[in-house]
Amino acid sequence: MLTLTDNAASIVKGLADRVTGTETGGLRIATQETDPTNFEVTMTPVPQADDLVVENDGAHVFLESNAATALADKTLDATIDDGGAVRFSIAEA
């Protein structure tokens, strides 16, 4: 199952609180229909019915089934650059 670094958990939780305004909100990762090796990342107030939910320190990540399979043995990290942009990265667990 996808794991989150402490940085990723903190950033995802903060984004979800600001963007969705709900305690159930989180980051949704899905494969792109046109290229399943690329991912779409969005903030959403609730997971879709078939999403796998990963929780870490109050952060929620919702994985579409194909993304869940592709990221099963990976770790999600996140940073915020000097301009305030969030950068997500995936590494081997």
C-alpha atoms as a PDB file:
ATOM      1  CA  MET A   1       0.000   0.000   0.000  1.00  0.00           C
ATOM      2  CA  LEU A   2       1.175   3.550  -0.711  1.00  0.00           C
ATOM      3  CA  THR A   3       2.867   5.185   2.265  1.00  0.00           C
ATOM      4  CA  LEU A   4       3.244   8.899   2.993  1.00  0.00           C
ATOM      5  CA  THR A   5       6.219  10.721   4.411  1.00  0.00           C
ATOM      6  CA  ASP A   6       5.574  13.028   7.352  1.00  0.00           C
ATOM      7  CA  ASN A   7       6.018  15.999   4.979  1.00  0.00           C
ATOM      8  CA  ALA A   8       3.460  14.605   2.545  1.00  0.00           C
ATOM      9  CA  ALA A   9       0.955  13.925   5.321  1.00  0.00           C
ATOM     10  CA  SER A  10       1.293  17.460   6.684  1.00  0.00           C
ATOM     11  CA  ILE A  11       0.993  19.098   3.260  1.00  0.00           C
ATOM     12  CA  VAL A  12      -1.933  16.923   2.115  1.00  0.00           C
ATOM     13  CA  LYS A  13      -3.821  17.589   5.355  1.00  0.00           C
ATOM     14  CA  GLY A  14      -3.223  21.331   5.101  1.00  0.00           C
ATOM     15  CA  LEU A  15      -4.307  21.457   1.455  1.00  0.00           C
ATOM     16  CA  ALA A  16      -7.410  19.378   2.127  1.00  0.00           C
ATOM     17  CA  ASP A  17      -8.422  21.609   5.036  1.00  0.00           C
ATOM     18  CA  ARG A  18      -8.033  24.768   2.915  1.00  0.00           C
ATOM     19  CA  VAL A  19      -9.412  23.486  -0.388  1.00  0.00           C
ATOM     20  CA  THR A  20     -12.253  21.219   0.688  1.00  0.00           C
ATOM     21  CA  GLY A  21     -13.090  22.690   4.089  1.00  0.00           C
ATOM     22  CA  THR A  22     -13.968  19.220   5.374  1.00  0.00           C
ATOM     23  CA  GLU A  23     -12.298  16.742   7.702  1.00  0.00           C
ATOM     24  CA  THR A  24     -12.956  13.984   5.158  1.00  0.00           C
ATOM     25  CA  GLY A  25     -11.262  15.760   2.246  1.00  0.00           C
ATOM     26  CA  GLY A  26      -8.078  14.556   0.692  1.00  0.00           C
ATOM     27  CA  LEU A  27      -5.790  14.167  -2.268  1.00  0.00           C
ATOM     28  CA  ARG A  28      -7.106  11.935  -5.043  1.00  0.00           C
ATOM     29  CA  ILE A  29      -4.662  10.217  -7.370  1.00  0.00           C
ATOM     30  CA  ALA A  30      -5.966   8.616 -10.560  1.00  0.00           C
ATOM     31  CA  THR A  31      -4.383   7.350 -13.743  1.00  0.00           C
ATOM     32  CA  GLN A  32      -5.005   9.421 -16.855  1.00  0.00           C
ATOM     33  CA  GLU A  33      -7.324   7.838 -19.400  1.00  0.00           C
ATOM     34  CA  THR A  34      -5.060   8.807 -22.305  1.00  0.00           C
ATOM     35  CA  ASP A  35      -1.832   7.679 -20.605  1.00  0.00           C
ATOM     36  CA  PRO A  36      -2.117   5.289 -17.653  1.00  0.00           C
ATOM     37  CA  THR A  37       1.543   5.848 -16.767  1.00  0.00           C
ATOM     38  CA  ASN A  38       0.731   9.452 -15.781  1.00  0.00           C
ATOM     39  CA  PHE A  39      -1.353  10.492 -12.806  1.00  0.00           C
ATOM     40  CA  GLU A  40      -3.978  13.160 -12.216  1.00  0.00           C
ATOM     41  CA  VAL A  41      -3.854  14.702  -8.746  1.00  0.00           C
ATOM     42  CA  THR A  42      -6.824  16.630  -7.372  1.00  0.00           C
ATOM     43  CA  MET A  43      -8.213  17.683  -4.008  1.00  0.00           C
ATOM     44  CA  THR A  44     -11.667  16.298  -3.277  1.00  0.00           C
ATOM     45  CA  PRO A  45     -14.033  16.440  -0.284  1.00  0.00           C
ATOM     46  CA  VAL A  46     -14.726  12.665  -0.282  1.00  0.00           C
ATOM     47  CA  PRO A  47     -13.358   9.566  -2.009  1.00  0.00           C
ATOM     48  CA  GLN A  48     -15.163   7.975  -4.913  1.00  0.00           C
ATOM     49  CA  ALA A  49     -16.950   4.707  -4.161  1.00  0.00           C
ATOM     50  CA  ASP A  50     -14.186   2.443  -5.492  1.00  0.00           C
ATOM     51  CA  ASP A  51     -11.184   4.440  -4.194  1.00  0.00           C
ATOM     52  CA  LEU A  52      -8.684   2.886  -1.811  1.00  0.00           C
ATOM     53  CA  VAL A  53      -8.253   5.255   1.145  1.00  0.00           C
ATOM     54  CA  VAL A  54      -4.820   5.744   2.695  1.00  0.00           C
ATOM     55  CA  GLU A  55      -4.719   7.675   5.983  1.00  0.00           C
ATOM     56  CA  ASN A  56      -1.682   9.038   7.811  1.00  0.00           C
ATOM     57  CA  ASP A  57      -1.731  11.528  10.693  1.00  0.00           C
ATOM     58  CA  GLY A  58      -5.101  12.940   9.621  1.00  0.00           C
ATOM     59  CA  ALA A  59      -4.181  13.150   5.933  1.00  0.00           C
ATOM     60  CA  HIS A  60      -6.304  11.271   3.407  1.00  0.00           C
ATOM     61  CA  VAL A  61      -5.125  10.043   0.017  1.00  0.00           C
ATOM     62  CA  PHE A  62      -7.737   8.483  -2.267  1.00  0.00           C
ATOM     63  CA  LEU A  63      -6.392   6.111  -4.897  1.00  0.00           C
ATOM     64  CA  GLU A  64      -8.342   5.146  -7.992  1.00  0.00           C
ATOM     65  CA  SER A  65      -7.989   1.376  -8.515  1.00  0.00           C
ATOM     66  CA  ASN A  66      -5.366   1.556 -11.303  1.00  0.00           C
ATOM     67  CA  ALA A  67      -3.365   4.129  -9.348  1.00  0.00           C
ATOM     68  CA  ALA A  68      -3.601   1.968  -6.212  1.00  0.00           C
ATOM     69  CA  THR A  69      -2.071  -0.946  -8.119  1.00  0.00           C
ATOM     70  CA  ALA A  70       0.684   1.172  -9.681  1.00  0.00           C
ATOM     71  CA  LEU A  71       1.583   2.844  -6.386  1.00  0.00           C
ATOM     72  CA  ALA A  72       1.178  -0.146  -4.055  1.00  0.00           C
ATOM     73  CA  ASP A  73       4.868  -0.345  -3.140  1.00  0.00           C
ATOM     74  CA  LYS A  74       5.702   3.371  -3.342  1.00  0.00           C
ATOM     75  CA  THR A  75       6.101   6.324  -0.974  1.00  0.00           C
ATOM     76  CA  LEU A  76       4.534   9.739  -1.581  1.00  0.00           C
ATOM     77  CA  ASP A  77       6.587  12.773  -0.577  1.00  0.00           C
ATOM     78  CA  ALA A  78       5.764  16.456  -0.914  1.00  0.00           C
ATOM     79  CA  THR A  79       7.552  19.776  -0.626  1.00  0.00           C
ATOM     80  CA  ILE A  80       6.586  23.420  -0.976  1.00  0.00           C
ATOM     81  CA  ASP A  81       8.959  25.542  -3.057  1.00  0.00           C
ATOM     82  CA  ASP A  82       9.903  29.179  -2.425  1.00  0.00           C
ATOM     83  CA  GLY A  83       7.000  30.332  -4.611  1.00  0.00           C
ATOM     84  CA  GLY A  84       4.471  28.340  -2.589  1.00  0.00           C
ATOM     85  CA  ALA A  85       3.947  25.626  -5.200  1.00  0.00           C
ATOM     86  CA  VAL A  86       3.469  22.080  -3.947  1.00  0.00           C
ATOM     87  CA  ARG A  87       5.621  19.399  -5.535  1.00  0.00           C
ATOM     88  CA  PHE A  88       4.736  15.740  -5.111  1.00  0.00           C
ATOM     89  CA  SER A  89       7.186  12.935  -5.773  1.00  0.00           C
ATOM     90  CA  ILE A  90       6.935   9.164  -5.765  1.00  0.00           C
ATOM     91  CA  ALA A  91       9.787   6.935  -4.612  1.00  0.00           C
ATOM     92  CA  GLU A  92      10.320   3.256  -3.944  1.00  0.00           C
ATOM     93  CA  ALA A  93       9.155   2.346  -0.449  1.00  0.00           C
END
